[in-house]
Amino acid sequence: MGTAAWVCFDCRAAVRRNTAFSGEVPCPTCGKLCSYLGYRIPVPPKSKLREWSALHQQLARERSDRALAADEAAVRNRHDLEQEIARLETMPANEGRAKAVRLLKRRLSGSNA
């Protein structure tokens, strides 16, 4: 197993833990929670402020992109459920379709939470 890096952008401190570690890592200097970098992203030297700033901006951008992609996927899923419900409701009624529509509507109402 390898080691992954967690960093504190306030102190520009890095902490290494086993890649299987799943807890929160406090900064050894200030005690705030560190941000997870992984094992592939190199940690810049403490004295290179520009590189630390660029790394912080890159992580913020990636976090924002992931949140946007998750929102888009949720909207796409909701739209697909609504379309499937509409398609099933236009077909002649029978027990199986009614049950399928109920289940899809339940999934749709659960996706709002």
PDB file of N, CA and C in Angstrom:
ATOM      1  N   MET A   1       0.834  -1.189   0.000  1.00  0.00           N
ATOM      2  CA  MET A   1       0.000   0.000   0.000  1.00  0.00           C
ATOM      3  C   MET A   1       0.876   1.248   0.000  1.00  0.00           C
ATOM      4  N   GLY A   2       0.407   2.278  -0.693  1.00  0.00           N
ATOM      5  CA  GLY A   2       1.140   3.528  -0.755  1.00  0.00           C
ATOM      6  C   GLY A   2       0.648   4.519   0.276  1.00  0.00           C
ATOM      7  N   THR A   3       1.169   5.721   0.165  1.00  0.00           N
ATOM      8  CA  THR A   3       0.733   6.774   1.069  1.00  0.00           C
ATOM      9  C   THR A   3       0.139   7.901   0.247  1.00  0.00           C
ATOM     10  N   ALA A   4      -0.833   8.552   0.824  1.00  0.00           N
ATOM     11  CA  ALA A   4      -1.497   9.687   0.181  1.00  0.00           C
ATOM     12  C   ALA A   4      -1.228  10.933   1.014  1.00  0.00           C
ATOM     13  N   ALA A   5      -1.379  12.084   0.386  1.00  0.00           N
ATOM     14  CA  ALA A   5      -1.097  13.349   1.061  1.00  0.00           C
ATOM     15  C   ALA A   5      -2.381  14.088   1.415  1.00  0.00           C
ATOM     16  N   TRP A   6      -2.386  14.675   2.593  1.00  0.00           N
ATOM     17  CA  TRP A   6      -3.396  15.625   3.035  1.00  0.00           C
ATOM     18  C   TRP A   6      -2.634  16.914   3.284  1.00  0.00           C
ATOM     19  N   VAL A   7      -3.205  18.055   2.910  1.00  0.00           N
ATOM     20  CA  VAL A   7      -2.499  19.321   3.075  1.00  0.00           C
ATOM     21  C   VAL A   7      -3.368  20.350   3.783  1.00  0.00           C
ATOM     22  N   CYS A   8      -2.691  21.226   4.505  1.00  0.00           N
ATOM     23  CA  CYS A   8      -3.332  22.388   5.123  1.00  0.00           C
ATOM     24  C   CYS A   8      -2.874  23.597   4.324  1.00  0.00           C
ATOM     25  N   PHE A   9      -3.791  24.294   3.674  1.00  0.00           N
ATOM     26  CA  PHE A   9      -3.424  25.427   2.838  1.00  0.00           C
ATOM     27  C   PHE A   9      -3.103  26.662   3.675  1.00  0.00           C
ATOM     28  N   ASP A  10      -3.593  26.729   4.916  1.00  0.00           N
ATOM     29  CA  ASP A  10      -3.265  27.861   5.783  1.00  0.00           C
ATOM     30  C   ASP A  10      -1.804  27.811   6.216  1.00  0.00           C
ATOM     31  N   CYS A  11      -1.339  26.635   6.616  1.00  0.00           N
ATOM     32  CA  CYS A  11       0.028  26.458   7.128  1.00  0.00           C
ATOM     33  C   CYS A  11       0.996  25.974   6.056  1.00  0.00           C
ATOM     34  N   ARG A  12       0.460  25.558   4.911  1.00  0.00           N
ATOM     35  CA  ARG A  12       1.247  24.924   3.848  1.00  0.00           C
ATOM     36  C   ARG A  12       2.005  23.716   4.397  1.00  0.00           C
ATOM     37  N   ALA A  13       1.276  22.919   5.153  1.00  0.00           N
ATOM     38  CA  ALA A  13       1.848  21.712   5.739  1.00  0.00           C
ATOM     39  C   ALA A  13       1.219  20.497   5.075  1.00  0.00           C
ATOM     40  N   ALA A  14       2.008  19.447   4.920  1.00  0.00           N
ATOM     41  CA  ALA A  14       1.521  18.204   4.317  1.00  0.00           C
ATOM     42  C   ALA A  14       1.636  17.078   5.335  1.00  0.00           C
ATOM     43  N   VAL A  15       0.646  16.187   5.302  1.00  0.00           N
ATOM     44  CA  VAL A  15       0.624  15.018   6.180  1.00  0.00           C
ATOM     45  C   VAL A  15       0.413  13.810   5.285  1.00  0.00           C
ATOM     46  N   ARG A  16       1.156  12.762   5.509  1.00  0.00           N
ATOM     47  CA  ARG A  16       1.005  11.534   4.726  1.00  0.00           C
ATOM     48  C   ARG A  16       0.354  10.464   5.582  1.00  0.00           C
ATOM     49  N   ARG A  17      -0.558   9.721   4.967  1.00  0.00           N
ATOM     50  CA  ARG A  17      -1.219   8.591   5.613  1.00  0.00           C
ATOM     51  C   ARG A  17      -1.314   7.450   4.605  1.00  0.00           C
ATOM     52  N   ASN A  18      -1.530   6.268   5.099  1.00  0.00           N
ATOM     53  CA  ASN A  18      -1.735   5.100   4.258  1.00  0.00           C
ATOM     54  C   ASN A  18      -2.945   5.357   3.363  1.00  0.00           C
ATOM     55  N   THR A  19      -2.906   4.867   2.131  1.00  0.00           N
ATOM     56  CA  THR A  19      -4.018   5.115   1.198  1.00  0.00           C
ATOM     57  C   THR A  19      -5.312   4.469   1.683  1.00  0.00           C
ATOM     58  N   ALA A  20      -5.236   3.483   2.552  1.00  0.00           N
ATOM     59  CA  ALA A  20      -6.444   2.839   3.072  1.00  0.00           C
ATOM     60  C   ALA A  20      -7.064   3.650   4.209  1.00  0.00           C
ATOM     61  N   PHE A  21      -6.381   4.677   4.705  1.00  0.00           N
ATOM     62  CA  PHE A  21      -6.886   5.503   5.803  1.00  0.00           C
ATOM     63  C   PHE A  21      -8.117   6.258   5.327  1.00  0.00           C
ATOM     64  N   SER A  22      -9.184   6.246   6.126  1.00  0.00           N
ATOM     65  CA  SER A  22     -10.423   6.898   5.689  1.00  0.00           C
ATOM     66  C   SER A  22     -10.925   7.952   6.672  1.00  0.00           C
ATOM     67  N   GLY A  23     -10.150   8.282   7.680  1.00  0.00           N
ATOM     68  CA  GLY A  23     -10.589   9.273   8.654  1.00  0.00           C
ATOM     69  C   GLY A  23     -10.215  10.691   8.248  1.00  0.00           C
ATOM     70  N   GLU A  24     -10.495  11.623   9.142  1.00  0.00           N
ATOM     71  CA  GLU A  24     -10.124  13.016   8.922  1.00  0.00           C
ATOM     72  C   GLU A  24      -8.726  13.237   9.481  1.00  0.00           C
ATOM     73  N   VAL A  25      -7.957  14.079   8.816  1.00  0.00           N
ATOM     74  CA  VAL A  25      -6.576  14.323   9.227  1.00  0.00           C
ATOM     75  C   VAL A  25      -6.447  15.772   9.690  1.00  0.00           C
ATOM     76  N   PRO A  26      -6.106  15.988  10.966  1.00  0.00           N
ATOM     77  CA  PRO A  26      -5.893  17.360  11.436  1.00  0.00           C
ATOM     78  C   PRO A  26      -4.490  17.851  11.053  1.00  0.00           C
ATOM     79  N   CYS A  27      -4.374  19.140  10.854  1.00  0.00           N
ATOM     80  CA  CYS A  27      -3.075  19.749  10.556  1.00  0.00           C
ATOM     81  C   CYS A  27      -2.194  19.641  11.799  1.00  0.00           C
ATOM     82  N   PRO A  28      -0.951  19.239  11.641  1.00  0.00           N
ATOM     83  CA  PRO A  28      -0.065  19.134  12.796  1.00  0.00           C
ATOM     84  C   PRO A  28       0.295  20.498  13.386  1.00  0.00           C
ATOM     85  N   THR A  29       0.125  21.579  12.614  1.00  0.00           N
ATOM     86  CA  THR A  29       0.495  22.913  13.085  1.00  0.00           C
ATOM     87  C   THR A  29      -0.676  23.650  13.734  1.00  0.00           C
ATOM     88  N   CYS A  30      -1.790  23.779  12.974  1.00  0.00           N
ATOM     89  CA  CYS A  30      -2.907  24.591  13.465  1.00  0.00           C
ATOM     90  C   CYS A  30      -4.090  23.763  13.976  1.00  0.00           C
ATOM     91  N   GLY A  31      -4.168  22.491  13.626  1.00  0.00           N
ATOM     92  CA  GLY A  31      -5.251  21.630  14.104  1.00  0.00           C
ATOM     93  C   GLY A  31      -6.490  21.620  13.229  1.00  0.00           C
ATOM     94  N   LYS A  32      -6.541  22.474  12.188  1.00  0.00           N
ATOM     95  CA  LYS A  32      -7.685  22.451  11.263  1.00  0.00           C
ATOM     96  C   LYS A  32      -7.622  21.177  10.430  1.00  0.00           C
ATOM     97  N   LEU A  33      -8.764  20.817   9.822  1.00  0.00           N
ATOM     98  CA  LEU A  33      -8.784  19.628   8.987  1.00  0.00           C
ATOM     99  C   LEU A  33      -8.041  19.880   7.681  1.00  0.00           C
ATOM    100  N   CYS A  34      -7.279  18.889   7.260  1.00  0.00           N
ATOM    101  CA  CYS A  34      -6.514  18.976   6.018  1.00  0.00           C
ATOM    102  C   CYS A  34      -7.364  18.536   4.832  1.00  0.00           C
ATOM    103  N   SER A  35      -6.983  19.001   3.653  1.00  0.00           N
ATOM    104  CA  SER A  35      -7.643  18.616   2.403  1.00  0.00           C
ATOM    105  C   SER A  35      -6.909  17.426   1.798  1.00  0.00           C
ATOM    106  N   TYR A  36      -7.681  16.476   1.286  1.00  0.00           N
ATOM    107  CA  TYR A  36      -7.099  15.277   0.690  1.00  0.00           C
ATOM    108  C   TYR A  36      -6.588  15.571  -0.712  1.00  0.00           C
ATOM    109  N   LEU A  37      -5.341  15.202  -0.989  1.00  0.00           N
ATOM    110  CA  LEU A  37      -4.762  15.372  -2.316  1.00  0.00           C
ATOM    111  C   LEU A  37      -4.680  14.067  -3.082  1.00  0.00           C
ATOM    112  N   GLY A  38      -4.458  12.981  -2.387  1.00  0.00           N
ATOM    113  CA  GLY A  38      -4.229  11.710  -3.048  1.00  0.00           C
ATOM    114  C   GLY A  38      -2.743  11.422  -3.116  1.00  0.00           C
ATOM    115  N   TYR A  39      -2.374  10.439  -3.899  1.00  0.00           N
ATOM    116  CA  TYR A  39      -0.967  10.071  -3.962  1.00  0.00           C
ATOM    117  C   TYR A  39      -0.295  10.517  -5.258  1.00  0.00           C
ATOM    118  N   ARG A  40      -1.049  11.027  -6.209  1.00  0.00           N
ATOM    119  CA  ARG A  40      -0.469  11.409  -7.501  1.00  0.00           C
ATOM    120  C   ARG A  40      -0.100  12.884  -7.588  1.00  0.00           C
ATOM    121  N   ILE A  41      -0.784  13.717  -6.856  1.00  0.00           N
ATOM    122  CA  ILE A  41      -0.544  15.158  -6.958  1.00  0.00           C
ATOM    123  C   ILE A  41       0.662  15.521  -6.093  1.00  0.00           C
ATOM    124  N   PRO A  42       1.679  16.114  -6.685  1.00  0.00           N
ATOM    125  CA  PRO A  42       2.862  16.478  -5.900  1.00  0.00           C
ATOM    126  C   PRO A  42       2.574  17.666  -4.980  1.00  0.00           C
ATOM    127  N   VAL A  43       3.133  17.613  -3.789  1.00  0.00           N
ATOM    128  CA  VAL A  43       2.976  18.695  -2.819  1.00  0.00           C
ATOM    129  C   VAL A  43       4.123  19.681  -3.044  1.00  0.00           C
ATOM    130  N   PRO A  44       3.804  20.959  -3.269  1.00  0.00           N
ATOM    131  CA  PRO A  44       4.875  21.932  -3.506  1.00  0.00           C
ATOM    132  C   PRO A  44       5.659  22.217  -2.223  1.00  0.00           C
ATOM    133  N   PRO A  45       6.874  22.710  -2.380  1.00  0.00           N
ATOM    134  CA  PRO A  45       7.645  23.103  -1.194  1.00  0.00           C
ATOM    135  C   PRO A  45       6.924  24.222  -0.443  1.00  0.00           C
ATOM    136  N   LYS A  46       7.130  24.268   0.840  1.00  0.00           N
ATOM    137  CA  LYS A  46       6.436  25.234   1.701  1.00  0.00           C
ATOM    138  C   LYS A  46       6.709  26.677   1.276  1.00  0.00           C
ATOM    139  N   SER A  47       7.872  26.950   0.740  1.00  0.00           N
ATOM    140  CA  SER A  47       8.259  28.320   0.390  1.00  0.00           C
ATOM    141  C   SER A  47       7.656  28.823  -0.921  1.00  0.00           C
ATOM    142  N   LYS A  48       7.071  27.957  -1.734  1.00  0.00           N
ATOM    143  CA  LYS A  48       6.552  28.340  -3.053  1.00  0.00           C
ATOM    144  C   LYS A  48       5.068  28.720  -2.951  1.00  0.00           C
ATOM    145  N   LEU A  49       4.823  29.979  -2.597  1.00  0.00           N
ATOM    146  CA  LEU A  49       3.452  30.463  -2.400  1.00  0.00           C
ATOM    147  C   LEU A  49       2.605  30.361  -3.660  1.00  0.00           C
ATOM    148  N   ARG A  50       3.189  30.680  -4.821  1.00  0.00           N
ATOM    149  CA  ARG A  50       2.441  30.635  -6.072  1.00  0.00           C
ATOM    150  C   ARG A  50       1.955  29.224  -6.379  1.00  0.00           C
ATOM    151  N   GLU A  51       2.805  28.237  -6.165  1.00  0.00           N
ATOM    152  CA  GLU A  51       2.429  26.849  -6.434  1.00  0.00           C
ATOM    153  C   GLU A  51       1.333  26.387  -5.474  1.00  0.00           C
ATOM    154  N   TRP A  52       1.404  26.822  -4.214  1.00  0.00           N
ATOM    155  CA  TRP A  52       0.356  26.471  -3.244  1.00  0.00           C
ATOM    156  C   TRP A  52      -0.970  27.105  -3.645  1.00  0.00           C
ATOM    157  N   SER A  53      -0.900  28.358  -4.099  1.00  0.00           N
ATOM    158  CA  SER A  53      -2.122  29.049  -4.533  1.00  0.00           C
ATOM    159  C   SER A  53      -2.724  28.357  -5.752  1.00  0.00           C
ATOM    160  N   ALA A  54      -1.878  27.982  -6.710  1.00  0.00           N
ATOM    161  CA  ALA A  54      -2.362  27.304  -7.913  1.00  0.00           C
ATOM    162  C   ALA A  54      -2.974  25.948  -7.549  1.00  0.00           C
ATOM    163  N   LEU A  55      -2.355  25.234  -6.632  1.00  0.00           N
ATOM    164  CA  LEU A  55      -2.889  23.942  -6.196  1.00  0.00           C
ATOM    165  C   LEU A  55      -4.247  24.110  -5.522  1.00  0.00           C
ATOM    166  N   HIS A  56      -4.374  25.130  -4.681  1.00  0.00           N
ATOM    167  CA  HIS A  56      -5.631  25.404  -3.989  1.00  0.00           C
ATOM    168  C   HIS A  56      -6.734  25.734  -5.001  1.00  0.00           C
ATOM    169  N   GLN A  57      -6.413  26.553  -5.992  1.00  0.00           N
ATOM    170  CA  GLN A  57      -7.390  26.918  -7.024  1.00  0.00           C
ATOM    171  C   GLN A  57      -7.775  25.707  -7.866  1.00  0.00           C
ATOM    172  N   GLN A  58      -6.794  24.869  -8.183  1.00  0.00           N
ATOM    173  CA  GLN A  58      -7.068  23.663  -8.968  1.00  0.00           C
ATOM    174  C   GLN A  58      -8.026  22.739  -8.214  1.00  0.00           C
ATOM    175  N   LEU A  59      -7.780  22.536  -6.918  1.00  0.00           N
ATOM    176  CA  LEU A  59      -8.656  21.673  -6.131  1.00  0.00           C
ATOM    177  C   LEU A  59     -10.063  22.262  -6.017  1.00  0.00           C
ATOM    178  N   ALA A  60     -10.151  23.573  -5.857  1.00  0.00           N
ATOM    179  CA  ALA A  60     -11.467  24.224  -5.777  1.00  0.00           C
ATOM    180  C   ALA A  60     -12.216  24.067  -7.094  1.00  0.00           C
ATOM    181  N   ARG A  61     -11.505  24.215  -8.212  1.00  0.00           N
ATOM    182  CA  ARG A  61     -12.116  24.044  -9.528  1.00  0.00           C
ATOM    183  C   ARG A  61     -12.619  22.615  -9.724  1.00  0.00           C
ATOM    184  N   GLU A  62     -11.787  21.646  -9.333  1.00  0.00           N
ATOM    185  CA  GLU A  62     -12.182  20.235  -9.478  1.00  0.00           C
ATOM    186  C   GLU A  62     -13.390  19.911  -8.602  1.00  0.00           C
ATOM    187  N   ARG A  63     -13.412  20.448  -7.388  1.00  0.00           N
ATOM    188  CA  ARG A  63     -14.546  20.232  -6.481  1.00  0.00           C
ATOM    189  C   ARG A  63     -15.816  20.823  -7.081  1.00  0.00           C
ATOM    190  N   SER A  64     -15.695  22.019  -7.651  1.00  0.00           N
ATOM    191  CA  SER A  64     -16.838  22.676  -8.274  1.00  0.00           C
ATOM    192  C   SER A  64     -17.327  21.881  -9.488  1.00  0.00           C
ATOM    193  N   ASP A  65     -16.386  21.382 -10.289  1.00  0.00           N
ATOM    194  CA  ASP A  65     -16.755  20.584 -11.463  1.00  0.00           C
ATOM    195  C   ASP A  65     -17.472  19.301 -11.058  1.00  0.00           C
ATOM    196  N   ARG A  66     -16.994  18.651  -9.980  1.00  0.00           N
ATOM    197  CA  ARG A  66     -17.653  17.427  -9.508  1.00  0.00           C
ATOM    198  C   ARG A  66     -19.065  17.717  -9.013  1.00  0.00           C
ATOM    199  N   ALA A  67     -19.240  18.831  -8.308  1.00  0.00           N
ATOM    200  CA  ALA A  67     -20.570  19.192  -7.808  1.00  0.00           C
ATOM    201  C   ALA A  67     -21.512  19.492  -8.973  1.00  0.00           C
ATOM    202  N   LEU A  68     -21.015  20.189  -9.984  1.00  0.00           N
ATOM    203  CA  LEU A  68     -21.827  20.499 -11.156  1.00  0.00           C
ATOM    204  C   LEU A  68     -22.219  19.221 -11.894  1.00  0.00           C
ATOM    205  N   ALA A  69     -21.267  18.302 -12.051  1.00  0.00           N
ATOM    206  CA  ALA A  69     -21.557  17.037 -12.736  1.00  0.00           C
ATOM    207  C   ALA A  69     -22.583  16.222 -11.950  1.00  0.00           C
ATOM    208  N   ALA A  70     -22.489  16.243 -10.626  1.00  0.00           N
ATOM    209  CA  ALA A  70     -23.462  15.513  -9.805  1.00  0.00           C
ATOM    210  C   ALA A  70     -24.854  16.127  -9.945  1.00  0.00           C
ATOM    211  N   ASP A  71     -24.929  17.455  -9.979  1.00  0.00           N
ATOM    212  CA  ASP A  71     -26.220  18.129 -10.170  1.00  0.00           C
ATOM    213  C   ASP A  71     -26.817  17.793 -11.534  1.00  0.00           C
ATOM    214  N   GLU A  72     -25.975  17.813 -12.564  1.00  0.00           N
ATOM    215  CA  GLU A  72     -26.455  17.488 -13.907  1.00  0.00           C
ATOM    216  C   GLU A  72     -26.955  16.046 -13.973  1.00  0.00           C
ATOM    217  N   ALA A  73     -26.238  15.137 -13.318  1.00  0.00           N
ATOM    218  CA  ALA A  73     -26.656  13.729 -13.315  1.00  0.00           C
ATOM    219  C   ALA A  73     -27.986  13.563 -12.590  1.00  0.00           C
ATOM    220  N   ALA A  74     -28.184  14.311 -11.509  1.00  0.00           N
ATOM    221  CA  ALA A  74     -29.442  14.229 -10.770  1.00  0.00           C
ATOM    222  C   ALA A  74     -30.606  14.744 -11.622  1.00  0.00           C
ATOM    223  N   VAL A  75     -30.385  15.844 -12.325  1.00  0.00           N
ATOM    224  CA  VAL A  75     -31.432  16.395 -13.196  1.00  0.00           C
ATOM    225  C   VAL A  75     -31.727  15.415 -14.336  1.00  0.00           C
ATOM    226  N   ARG A  76     -30.669  14.829 -14.916  1.00  0.00           N
ATOM    227  CA  ARG A  76     -30.848  13.868 -16.003  1.00  0.00           C
ATOM    228  C   ARG A  76     -31.643  12.659 -15.519  1.00  0.00           C
ATOM    229  N   ASN A  77     -31.313  12.168 -14.319  1.00  0.00           N
ATOM    230  CA  ASN A  77     -32.016  11.018 -13.747  1.00  0.00           C
ATOM    231  C   ASN A  77     -33.489  11.355 -13.509  1.00  0.00           C
ATOM    232  N   ARG A  78     -33.749  12.541 -12.951  1.00  0.00           N
ATOM    233  CA  ARG A  78     -35.128  12.968 -12.706  1.00  0.00           C
ATOM    234  C   ARG A  78     -35.907  13.052 -14.025  1.00  0.00           C
ATOM    235  N   HIS A  79     -35.287  13.621 -15.041  1.00  0.00           N
ATOM    236  CA  HIS A  79     -35.930  13.746 -16.354  1.00  0.00           C
ATOM    237  C   HIS A  79     -36.234  12.363 -16.939  1.00  0.00           C
ATOM    238  N   ASP A  80     -35.277  11.441 -16.830  1.00  0.00           N
ATOM    239  CA  ASP A  80     -35.493  10.089 -17.347  1.00  0.00           C
ATOM    240  C   ASP A  80     -36.656   9.402 -16.636  1.00  0.00           C
ATOM    241  N   LEU A  81     -36.727   9.573 -15.307  1.00  0.00           N
ATOM    242  CA  LEU A  81     -37.841   8.983 -14.558  1.00  0.00           C
ATOM    243  C   LEU A  81     -39.171   9.582 -14.988  1.00  0.00           C
ATOM    244  N   GLU A  82     -39.209  10.912 -15.142  1.00  0.00           N
ATOM    245  CA  GLU A  82     -40.444  11.571 -15.558  1.00  0.00           C
ATOM    246  C   GLU A  82     -40.871  11.096 -16.942  1.00  0.00           C
ATOM    247  N   GLN A  83     -39.921  10.936 -17.850  1.00  0.00           N
ATOM    248  CA  GLN A  83     -40.260  10.472 -19.195  1.00  0.00           C
ATOM    249  C   GLN A  83     -40.781   9.040 -19.173  1.00  0.00           C
ATOM    250  N   GLU A  84     -40.160   8.188 -18.372  1.00  0.00           N
ATOM    251  CA  GLU A  84     -40.606   6.790 -18.297  1.00  0.00           C
ATOM    252  C   GLU A  84     -42.006   6.700 -17.689  1.00  0.00           C
ATOM    253  N   ILE A  85     -42.285   7.512 -16.675  1.00  0.00           N
ATOM    254  CA  ILE A  85     -43.619   7.537 -16.072  1.00  0.00           C
ATOM    255  C   ILE A  85     -44.642   7.989 -17.113  1.00  0.00           C
ATOM    256  N   ALA A  86     -44.327   9.053 -17.840  1.00  0.00           N
ATOM    257  CA  ALA A  86     -45.248   9.558 -18.869  1.00  0.00           C
ATOM    258  C   ALA A  86     -45.480   8.509 -19.950  1.00  0.00           C
ATOM    259  N   ARG A  87     -44.423   7.814 -20.360  1.00  0.00           N
ATOM    260  CA  ARG A  87     -44.567   6.784 -21.390  1.00  0.00           C
ATOM    261  C   ARG A  87     -45.463   5.648 -20.908  1.00  0.00           C
ATOM    262  N   LEU A  88     -45.256   5.207 -19.655  1.00  0.00           N
ATOM    263  CA  LEU A  88     -46.066   4.107 -19.126  1.00  0.00           C
ATOM    264  C   LEU A  88     -47.524   4.520 -18.924  1.00  0.00           C
ATOM    265  N   GLU A  89     -47.751   5.789 -18.549  1.00  0.00           N
ATOM    266  CA  GLU A  89     -49.118   6.249 -18.320  1.00  0.00           C
ATOM    267  C   GLU A  89     -49.909   6.393 -19.611  1.00  0.00           C
ATOM    268  N   THR A  90     -49.224   6.558 -20.738  1.00  0.00           N
ATOM    269  CA  THR A  90     -49.946   6.666 -22.012  1.00  0.00           C
ATOM    270  C   THR A  90     -50.375   5.302 -22.539  1.00  0.00           C
ATOM    271  N   MET A  91     -49.790   4.239 -22.030  1.00  0.00           N
ATOM    272  CA  MET A  91     -50.126   2.878 -22.481  1.00  0.00           C
ATOM    273  C   MET A  91     -51.400   2.409 -21.777  1.00  0.00           C
ATOM    274  N   PRO A  92     -52.047   1.398 -22.321  1.00  0.00           N
ATOM    275  CA  PRO A  92     -53.252   0.868 -21.668  1.00  0.00           C
ATOM    276  C   PRO A  92     -52.941   0.387 -20.242  1.00  0.00           C
ATOM    277  N   ALA A  93     -53.895   0.621 -19.358  1.00  0.00           N
ATOM    278  CA  ALA A  93     -53.689   0.280 -17.943  1.00  0.00           C
ATOM    279  C   ALA A  93     -53.703  -1.229 -17.734  1.00  0.00           C
ATOM    280  N   ASN A  94     -52.790  -1.676 -16.883  1.00  0.00           N
ATOM    281  CA  ASN A  94     -52.814  -3.044 -16.378  1.00  0.00           C
ATOM    282  C   ASN A  94     -52.065  -3.057 -15.043  1.00  0.00           C
ATOM    283  N   GLU A  95     -52.144  -4.171 -14.328  1.00  0.00           N
ATOM    284  CA  GLU A  95     -51.569  -4.229 -12.980  1.00  0.00           C
ATOM    285  C   GLU A  95     -50.070  -3.978 -12.968  1.00  0.00           C
ATOM    286  N   GLY A  96     -49.365  -4.609 -13.880  1.00  0.00           N
ATOM    287  CA  GLY A  96     -47.909  -4.481 -13.915  1.00  0.00           C
ATOM    288  C   GLY A  96     -47.456  -3.060 -14.173  1.00  0.00           C
ATOM    289  N   ARG A  97     -48.126  -2.393 -15.124  1.00  0.00           N
ATOM    290  CA  ARG A  97     -47.764  -1.007 -15.424  1.00  0.00           C
ATOM    291  C   ARG A  97     -48.095  -0.087 -14.264  1.00  0.00           C
ATOM    292  N   ALA A  98     -49.226  -0.311 -13.635  1.00  0.00           N
ATOM    293  CA  ALA A  98     -49.608   0.528 -12.491  1.00  0.00           C
ATOM    294  C   ALA A  98     -48.580   0.395 -11.377  1.00  0.00           C
ATOM    295  N   LYS A  99     -48.130  -0.820 -11.145  1.00  0.00           N
ATOM    296  CA  LYS A  99     -47.122  -1.043 -10.110  1.00  0.00           C
ATOM    297  C   LYS A  99     -45.799  -0.375 -10.504  1.00  0.00           C
ATOM    298  N   ALA A 100     -45.416  -0.497 -11.778  1.00  0.00           N
ATOM    299  CA  ALA A 100     -44.182   0.127 -12.262  1.00  0.00           C
ATOM    300  C   ALA A 100     -44.250   1.645 -12.117  1.00  0.00           C
ATOM    301  N   VAL A 101     -45.402   2.231 -12.431  1.00  0.00           N
ATOM    302  CA  VAL A 101     -45.567   3.681 -12.307  1.00  0.00           C
ATOM    303  C   VAL A 101     -45.451   4.097 -10.846  1.00  0.00           C
ATOM    304  N   ARG A 102     -46.089   3.322  -9.944  1.00  0.00           N
ATOM    305  CA  ARG A 102     -45.983   3.633  -8.510  1.00  0.00           C
ATOM    306  C   ARG A 102     -44.526   3.592  -8.044  1.00  0.00           C
ATOM    307  N   LEU A 103     -43.795   2.566  -8.463  1.00  0.00           N
ATOM    308  CA  LEU A 103     -42.396   2.444  -8.064  1.00  0.00           C
ATOM    309  C   LEU A 103     -41.545   3.580  -8.624  1.00  0.00           C
ATOM    310  N   LEU A 104     -41.788   3.937  -9.882  1.00  0.00           N
ATOM    311  CA  LEU A 104     -41.036   5.041 -10.481  1.00  0.00           C
ATOM    312  C   LEU A 104     -41.354   6.368  -9.791  1.00  0.00           C
ATOM    313  N   LYS A 105     -42.638   6.577  -9.448  1.00  0.00           N
ATOM    314  CA  LYS A 105     -43.002   7.808  -8.741  1.00  0.00           C
ATOM    315  C   LYS A 105     -42.365   7.858  -7.353  1.00  0.00           C
ATOM    316  N   ARG A 106     -42.259   6.698  -6.712  1.00  0.00           N
ATOM    317  CA  ARG A 106     -41.601   6.646  -5.406  1.00  0.00           C
ATOM    318  C   ARG A 106     -40.117   7.003  -5.551  1.00  0.00           C
ATOM    319  N   ARG A 107     -39.482   6.458  -6.584  1.00  0.00           N
ATOM    320  CA  ARG A 107     -38.070   6.798  -6.839  1.00  0.00           C
ATOM    321  C   ARG A 107     -37.912   8.278  -7.169  1.00  0.00           C
ATOM    322  N   LEU A 108     -38.875   8.805  -7.910  1.00  0.00           N
ATOM    323  CA  LEU A 108     -38.836  10.224  -8.278  1.00  0.00           C
ATOM    324  C   LEU A 108     -38.989  11.101  -7.043  1.00  0.00           C
ATOM    325  N   SER A 109     -39.896  10.761  -6.148  1.00  0.00           N
ATOM    326  CA  SER A 109     -40.057  11.581  -4.934  1.00  0.00           C
ATOM    327  C   SER A 109     -38.851  11.426  -4.023  1.00  0.00           C
ATOM    328  N   GLY A 110     -38.190  10.301  -4.051  1.00  0.00           N
ATOM    329  CA  GLY A 110     -36.972  10.118  -3.257  1.00  0.00           C
ATOM    330  C   GLY A 110     -35.794  10.863  -3.810  1.00  0.00           C
ATOM    331  N   SER A 111     -35.820  11.167  -5.114  1.00  0.00           N
ATOM    332  CA  SER A 111     -34.702  11.891  -5.712  1.00  0.00           C
ATOM    333  C   SER A 111     -34.741  13.379  -5.367  1.00  0.00           C
ATOM    334  N   ASN A 112     -35.863  13.858  -4.842  1.00  0.00           N
ATOM    335  CA  ASN A 112     -35.958  15.267  -4.437  1.00  0.00           C
ATOM    336  C   ASN A 112     -35.215  15.530  -3.144  1.00  0.00           C
ATOM    337  N   ALA A 113     -35.047  14.492  -2.331  1.00  0.00           N
ATOM    338  CA  ALA A 113     -34.447  14.688  -1.010  1.00  0.00           C
ATOM    339  C   ALA A 113     -32.981  14.959  -1.068  1.00  0.00           C
TER     340      ALA A 113
END
